[in-house]
Amino acid sequence: MALVSRFDGEFPDRYFNDVMEYIGMKPEDFHALCDKFRSPHLWGKNANGEWQLRHNVSRTGLND
């Protein structure tokens, strides 16, 4: 549980821009495409309008 809590939601920043350049996509277009495929039973938007898991291991999800 400690490792899941530590790394859950971590974004792979290290090579993200290299991948975006390689596939010829703008980062904002990539994120918009990802958002189109989010399952509403797993994800919801919090009060700040940011995507958040509805339930997670540390019980700090949107619906926990």
PDB file of N, CA and C in Angstrom:
ATOM      1  N   MET A   1       0.817  -1.183   0.000  1.00  0.00           N
ATOM      2  CA  MET A   1       0.000   0.000   0.000  1.00  0.00           C
ATOM      3  C   MET A   1       0.865   1.254   0.000  1.00  0.00           C
ATOM      4  N   ALA A   2       1.992   1.204   0.681  1.00  0.00           N
ATOM      5  CA  ALA A   2       2.861   2.378   0.756  1.00  0.00           C
ATOM      6  C   ALA A   2       3.397   2.744  -0.626  1.00  0.00           C
ATOM      7  N   LEU A   3       3.813   1.745  -1.397  1.00  0.00           N
ATOM      8  CA  LEU A   3       4.333   2.017  -2.739  1.00  0.00           C
ATOM      9  C   LEU A   3       3.246   2.517  -3.670  1.00  0.00           C
ATOM     10  N   VAL A   4       2.057   1.939  -3.591  1.00  0.00           N
ATOM     11  CA  VAL A   4       0.953   2.400  -4.421  1.00  0.00           C
ATOM     12  C   VAL A   4       0.617   3.845  -4.065  1.00  0.00           C
ATOM     13  N   SER A   5       0.549   4.151  -2.794  1.00  0.00           N
ATOM     14  CA  SER A   5       0.246   5.510  -2.368  1.00  0.00           C
ATOM     15  C   SER A   5       1.321   6.498  -2.823  1.00  0.00           C
ATOM     16  N   ARG A   6       2.566   6.045  -2.815  1.00  0.00           N
ATOM     17  CA  ARG A   6       3.672   6.927  -3.196  1.00  0.00           C
ATOM     18  C   ARG A   6       3.683   7.220  -4.688  1.00  0.00           C
ATOM     19  N   PHE A   7       3.444   6.212  -5.521  1.00  0.00           N
ATOM     20  CA  PHE A   7       3.608   6.378  -6.963  1.00  0.00           C
ATOM     21  C   PHE A   7       2.307   6.500  -7.740  1.00  0.00           C
ATOM     22  N   ASP A   8       1.163   6.314  -7.100  1.00  0.00           N
ATOM     23  CA  ASP A   8      -0.113   6.398  -7.783  1.00  0.00           C
ATOM     24  C   ASP A   8      -0.331   7.805  -8.330  1.00  0.00           C
ATOM     25  N   GLY A   9      -0.634   7.909  -9.598  1.00  0.00           N
ATOM     26  CA  GLY A   9      -0.891   9.202 -10.215  1.00  0.00           C
ATOM     27  C   GLY A   9       0.359   9.923 -10.685  1.00  0.00           C
ATOM     28  N   GLU A  10       1.525   9.300 -10.531  1.00  0.00           N
ATOM     29  CA  GLU A  10       2.765   9.936 -10.978  1.00  0.00           C
ATOM     30  C   GLU A  10       2.786   9.977 -12.499  1.00  0.00           C
ATOM     31  N   PHE A  11       3.074  11.140 -13.056  1.00  0.00           N
ATOM     32  CA  PHE A  11       3.102  11.305 -14.509  1.00  0.00           C
ATOM     33  C   PHE A  11       4.539  11.141 -15.003  1.00  0.00           C
ATOM     34  N   PRO A  12       4.744  10.405 -16.099  1.00  0.00           N
ATOM     35  CA  PRO A  12       6.104  10.169 -16.618  1.00  0.00           C
ATOM     36  C   PRO A  12       6.647  11.376 -17.376  1.00  0.00           C
ATOM     37  N   ASP A  13       7.040  12.412 -16.652  1.00  0.00           N
ATOM     38  CA  ASP A  13       7.531  13.652 -17.263  1.00  0.00           C
ATOM     39  C   ASP A  13       8.843  13.490 -18.024  1.00  0.00           C
ATOM     40  N   ARG A  14       9.651  12.549 -17.614  1.00  0.00           N
ATOM     41  CA  ARG A  14      11.024  12.463 -18.115  1.00  0.00           C
ATOM     42  C   ARG A  14      11.105  12.431 -19.636  1.00  0.00           C
ATOM     43  N   TYR A  15      10.309  11.620 -20.299  1.00  0.00           N
ATOM     44  CA  TYR A  15      10.396  11.492 -21.759  1.00  0.00           C
ATOM     45  C   TYR A  15       9.147  11.975 -22.476  1.00  0.00           C
ATOM     46  N   PHE A  16       8.241  12.609 -21.765  1.00  0.00           N
ATOM     47  CA  PHE A  16       6.968  13.001 -22.357  1.00  0.00           C
ATOM     48  C   PHE A  16       7.147  13.909 -23.573  1.00  0.00           C
ATOM     49  N   ASN A  17       7.951  14.949 -23.448  1.00  0.00           N
ATOM     50  CA  ASN A  17       8.144  15.869 -24.573  1.00  0.00           C
ATOM     51  C   ASN A  17       8.829  15.199 -25.750  1.00  0.00           C
ATOM     52  N   ASP A  18       9.756  14.280 -25.487  1.00  0.00           N
ATOM     53  CA  ASP A  18      10.410  13.538 -26.569  1.00  0.00           C
ATOM     54  C   ASP A  18       9.397  12.690 -27.335  1.00  0.00           C
ATOM     55  N   VAL A  19       8.503  12.040 -26.605  1.00  0.00           N
ATOM     56  CA  VAL A  19       7.470  11.212 -27.241  1.00  0.00           C
ATOM     57  C   VAL A  19       6.515  12.091 -28.052  1.00  0.00           C
ATOM     58  N   MET A  20       6.120  13.215 -27.502  1.00  0.00           N
ATOM     59  CA  MET A  20       5.210  14.115 -28.219  1.00  0.00           C
ATOM     60  C   MET A  20       5.848  14.614 -29.516  1.00  0.00           C
ATOM     61  N   GLU A  21       7.118  14.938 -29.448  1.00  0.00           N
ATOM     62  CA  GLU A  21       7.830  15.372 -30.653  1.00  0.00           C
ATOM     63  C   GLU A  21       7.920  14.235 -31.670  1.00  0.00           C
ATOM     64  N   TYR A  22       8.210  13.034 -31.195  1.00  0.00           N
ATOM     65  CA  TYR A  22       8.347  11.872 -32.083  1.00  0.00           C
ATOM     66  C   TYR A  22       7.039  11.558 -32.810  1.00  0.00           C
ATOM     67  N   ILE A  23       5.913  11.629 -32.103  1.00  0.00           N
ATOM     68  CA  ILE A  23       4.632  11.308 -32.748  1.00  0.00           C
ATOM     69  C   ILE A  23       3.979  12.529 -33.391  1.00  0.00           C
ATOM     70  N   GLY A  24       4.584  13.701 -33.212  1.00  0.00           N
ATOM     71  CA  GLY A  24       4.079  14.907 -33.850  1.00  0.00           C
ATOM     72  C   GLY A  24       2.760  15.388 -33.284  1.00  0.00           C
ATOM     73  N   MET A  25       2.630  15.328 -31.965  1.00  0.00           N
ATOM     74  CA  MET A  25       1.380  15.735 -31.322  1.00  0.00           C
ATOM     75  C   MET A  25       1.673  16.779 -30.253  1.00  0.00           C
ATOM     76  N   LYS A  26       0.791  17.755 -30.142  1.00  0.00           N
ATOM     77  CA  LYS A  26       0.912  18.757 -29.088  1.00  0.00           C
ATOM     78  C   LYS A  26       0.464  18.130 -27.766  1.00  0.00           C
ATOM     79  N   PRO A  27       1.149  18.463 -26.667  1.00  0.00           N
ATOM     80  CA  PRO A  27       0.770  17.894 -25.373  1.00  0.00           C
ATOM     81  C   PRO A  27      -0.692  18.137 -25.003  1.00  0.00           C
ATOM     82  N   GLU A  28      -1.230  19.319 -25.291  1.00  0.00           N
ATOM     83  CA  GLU A  28      -2.626  19.592 -24.942  1.00  0.00           C
ATOM     84  C   GLU A  28      -3.588  18.723 -25.749  1.00  0.00           C
ATOM     85  N   ASP A  29      -3.216  18.403 -27.010  1.00  0.00           N
ATOM     86  CA  ASP A  29      -4.045  17.499 -27.809  1.00  0.00           C
ATOM     87  C   ASP A  29      -3.995  16.074 -27.262  1.00  0.00           C
ATOM     88  N   PHE A  30      -2.822  15.666 -26.785  1.00  0.00           N
ATOM     89  CA  PHE A  30      -2.671  14.346 -26.184  1.00  0.00           C
ATOM     90  C   PHE A  30      -3.550  14.211 -24.945  1.00  0.00           C
ATOM     91  N   HIS A  31      -3.501  15.222 -24.074  1.00  0.00           N
ATOM     92  CA  HIS A  31      -4.298  15.176 -22.846  1.00  0.00           C
ATOM     93  C   HIS A  31      -5.796  15.204 -23.153  1.00  0.00           C
ATOM     94  N   ALA A  32      -6.193  15.985 -24.149  1.00  0.00           N
ATOM     95  CA  ALA A  32      -7.612  16.028 -24.536  1.00  0.00           C
ATOM     96  C   ALA A  32      -8.062  14.666 -25.062  1.00  0.00           C
ATOM     97  N   LEU A  33      -7.206  14.007 -25.831  1.00  0.00           N
ATOM     98  CA  LEU A  33      -7.528  12.678 -26.341  1.00  0.00           C
ATOM     99  C   LEU A  33      -7.656  11.670 -25.201  1.00  0.00           C
ATOM    100  N   CYS A  34      -6.755  11.733 -24.241  1.00  0.00           N
ATOM    101  CA  CYS A  34      -6.829  10.840 -23.072  1.00  0.00           C
ATOM    102  C   CYS A  34      -8.118  11.069 -22.298  1.00  0.00           C
ATOM    103  N   ASP A  35      -8.502  12.329 -22.135  1.00  0.00           N
ATOM    104  CA  ASP A  35      -9.717  12.655 -21.382  1.00  0.00           C
ATOM    105  C   ASP A  35     -10.962  12.092 -22.054  1.00  0.00           C
ATOM    106  N   LYS A  36     -10.960  11.991 -23.381  1.00  0.00           N
ATOM    107  CA  LYS A  36     -12.113  11.449 -24.097  1.00  0.00           C
ATOM    108  C   LYS A  36     -12.351   9.980 -23.761  1.00  0.00           C
ATOM    109  N   PHE A  37     -11.304   9.278 -23.358  1.00  0.00           N
ATOM    110  CA  PHE A  37     -11.410   7.844 -23.107  1.00  0.00           C
ATOM    111  C   PHE A  37     -11.431   7.479 -21.622  1.00  0.00           C
ATOM    112  N   ARG A  38     -11.555   8.462 -20.739  1.00  0.00           N
ATOM    113  CA  ARG A  38     -11.641   8.177 -19.302  1.00  0.00           C
ATOM    114  C   ARG A  38     -13.004   7.557 -18.991  1.00  0.00           C
ATOM    115  N   SER A  39     -12.994   6.473 -18.264  1.00  0.00           N
ATOM    116  CA  SER A  39     -14.242   5.818 -17.873  1.00  0.00           C
ATOM    117  C   SER A  39     -14.897   6.597 -16.734  1.00  0.00           C
ATOM    118  N   PRO A  40     -16.135   7.045 -16.925  1.00  0.00           N
ATOM    119  CA  PRO A  40     -16.783   7.847 -15.882  1.00  0.00           C
ATOM    120  C   PRO A  40     -17.041   7.082 -14.590  1.00  0.00           C
ATOM    121  N   HIS A  41     -17.059   5.750 -14.634  1.00  0.00           N
ATOM    122  CA  HIS A  41     -17.255   5.011 -13.382  1.00  0.00           C
ATOM    123  C   HIS A  41     -15.954   4.923 -12.578  1.00  0.00           C
ATOM    124  N   LEU A  42     -14.807   5.276 -13.199  1.00  0.00           N
ATOM    125  CA  LEU A  42     -13.523   5.267 -12.501  1.00  0.00           C
ATOM    126  C   LEU A  42     -13.022   6.665 -12.175  1.00  0.00           C
ATOM    127  N   TRP A  43     -13.355   7.636 -13.010  1.00  0.00           N
ATOM    128  CA  TRP A  43     -12.841   9.000 -12.892  1.00  0.00           C
ATOM    129  C   TRP A  43     -13.968  10.005 -12.731  1.00  0.00           C
ATOM    130  N   GLY A  44     -13.691  11.095 -12.039  1.00  0.00           N
ATOM    131  CA  GLY A  44     -14.624  12.210 -11.911  1.00  0.00           C
ATOM    132  C   GLY A  44     -13.826  13.489 -11.763  1.00  0.00           C
ATOM    133  N   LYS A  45     -14.481  14.614 -11.906  1.00  0.00           N
ATOM    134  CA  LYS A  45     -13.798  15.896 -11.738  1.00  0.00           C
ATOM    135  C   LYS A  45     -14.045  16.412 -10.325  1.00  0.00           C
ATOM    136  N   ASN A  46     -12.978  16.881  -9.689  1.00  0.00           N
ATOM    137  CA  ASN A  46     -13.096  17.412  -8.334  1.00  0.00           C
ATOM    138  C   ASN A  46     -13.565  18.866  -8.382  1.00  0.00           C
ATOM    139  N   ALA A  47     -13.590  19.540  -7.245  1.00  0.00           N
ATOM    140  CA  ALA A  47     -14.083  20.919  -7.155  1.00  0.00           C
ATOM    141  C   ALA A  47     -13.241  21.888  -7.982  1.00  0.00           C
ATOM    142  N   ASN A  48     -11.975  21.539  -8.224  1.00  0.00           N
ATOM    143  CA  ASN A  48     -11.089  22.393  -9.026  1.00  0.00           C
ATOM    144  C   ASN A  48     -11.192  22.107 -10.515  1.00  0.00           C
ATOM    145  N   GLY A  49     -12.047  21.149 -10.893  1.00  0.00           N
ATOM    146  CA  GLY A  49     -12.192  20.787 -12.299  1.00  0.00           C
ATOM    147  C   GLY A  49     -11.108  19.853 -12.805  1.00  0.00           C
ATOM    148  N   GLU A  50     -10.334  19.259 -11.896  1.00  0.00           N
ATOM    149  CA  GLU A  50      -9.266  18.338 -12.269  1.00  0.00           C
ATOM    150  C   GLU A  50      -9.763  16.904 -12.159  1.00  0.00           C
ATOM    151  N   TRP A  51      -9.274  16.039 -13.047  1.00  0.00           N
ATOM    152  CA  TRP A  51      -9.656  14.627 -13.001  1.00  0.00           C
ATOM    153  C   TRP A  51      -9.069  13.979 -11.755  1.00  0.00           C
ATOM    154  N   GLN A  52      -9.869  13.119 -11.142  1.00  0.00           N
ATOM    155  CA  GLN A  52      -9.433  12.403  -9.944  1.00  0.00           C
ATOM    156  C   GLN A  52     -10.097  11.033  -9.937  1.00  0.00           C
ATOM    157  N   LEU A  53      -9.345  10.026  -9.490  1.00  0.00           N
ATOM    158  CA  LEU A  53      -9.928   8.695  -9.351  1.00  0.00           C
ATOM    159  C   LEU A  53     -11.050   8.729  -8.328  1.00  0.00           C
ATOM    160  N   ARG A  54     -12.111   7.987  -8.596  1.00  0.00           N
ATOM    161  CA  ARG A  54     -13.221   7.950  -7.652  1.00  0.00           C
ATOM    162  C   ARG A  54     -12.849   7.176  -6.387  1.00  0.00           C
ATOM    163  N   HIS A  55     -12.057   6.130  -6.532  1.00  0.00           N
ATOM    164  CA  HIS A  55     -11.601   5.316  -5.398  1.00  0.00           C
ATOM    165  C   HIS A  55     -10.132   4.974  -5.615  1.00  0.00           C
ATOM    166  N   ASN A  56      -9.361   4.968  -4.534  1.00  0.00           N
ATOM    167  CA  ASN A  56      -7.975   4.537  -4.620  1.00  0.00           C
ATOM    168  C   ASN A  56      -7.578   3.807  -3.339  1.00  0.00           C
ATOM    169  N   VAL A  57      -6.384   3.263  -3.348  1.00  0.00           N
ATOM    170  CA  VAL A  57      -5.921   2.429  -2.237  1.00  0.00           C
ATOM    171  C   VAL A  57      -5.844   3.206  -0.931  1.00  0.00           C
ATOM    172  N   SER A  58      -5.413   4.452  -0.995  1.00  0.00           N
ATOM    173  CA  SER A  58      -5.259   5.234   0.239  1.00  0.00           C
ATOM    174  C   SER A  58      -6.574   5.879   0.694  1.00  0.00           C
ATOM    175  N   ARG A  59      -7.656   5.575   0.013  1.00  0.00           N
ATOM    176  CA  ARG A  59      -8.998   6.053   0.351  1.00  0.00           C
ATOM    177  C   ARG A  59      -9.093   7.592   0.376  1.00  0.00           C
ATOM    178  N   THR A  60      -8.398   8.221  -0.590  1.00  0.00           N
ATOM    179  CA  THR A  60      -8.487   9.673  -0.748  1.00  0.00           C
ATOM    180  C   THR A  60      -9.109  10.018  -2.098  1.00  0.00           C
ATOM    181  N   GLY A  61      -9.844   9.072  -2.667  1.00  0.00           N
ATOM    182  CA  GLY A  61     -10.484   9.296  -3.952  1.00  0.00           C
ATOM    183  C   GLY A  61     -11.677  10.217  -3.854  1.00  0.00           C
ATOM    184  N   LEU A  62     -12.215  10.554  -4.989  1.00  0.00           N
ATOM    185  CA  LEU A  62     -13.329  11.480  -5.088  1.00  0.00           C
ATOM    186  C   LEU A  62     -14.548  10.988  -4.314  1.00  0.00           C
ATOM    187  N   ASN A  63     -14.800   9.687  -4.323  1.00  0.00           N
ATOM    188  CA  ASN A  63     -15.982   9.132  -3.658  1.00  0.00           C
ATOM    189  C   ASN A  63     -15.649   8.275  -2.439  1.00  0.00           C
ATOM    190  N   ASP A  64     -14.439   8.395  -1.909  1.00  0.00           N
ATOM    191  CA  ASP A  64     -14.064   7.614  -0.710  1.00  0.00           C
ATOM    192  C   ASP A  64     -14.492   8.310   0.548  1.00  0.00           C
TER     193      ASP A  64
END
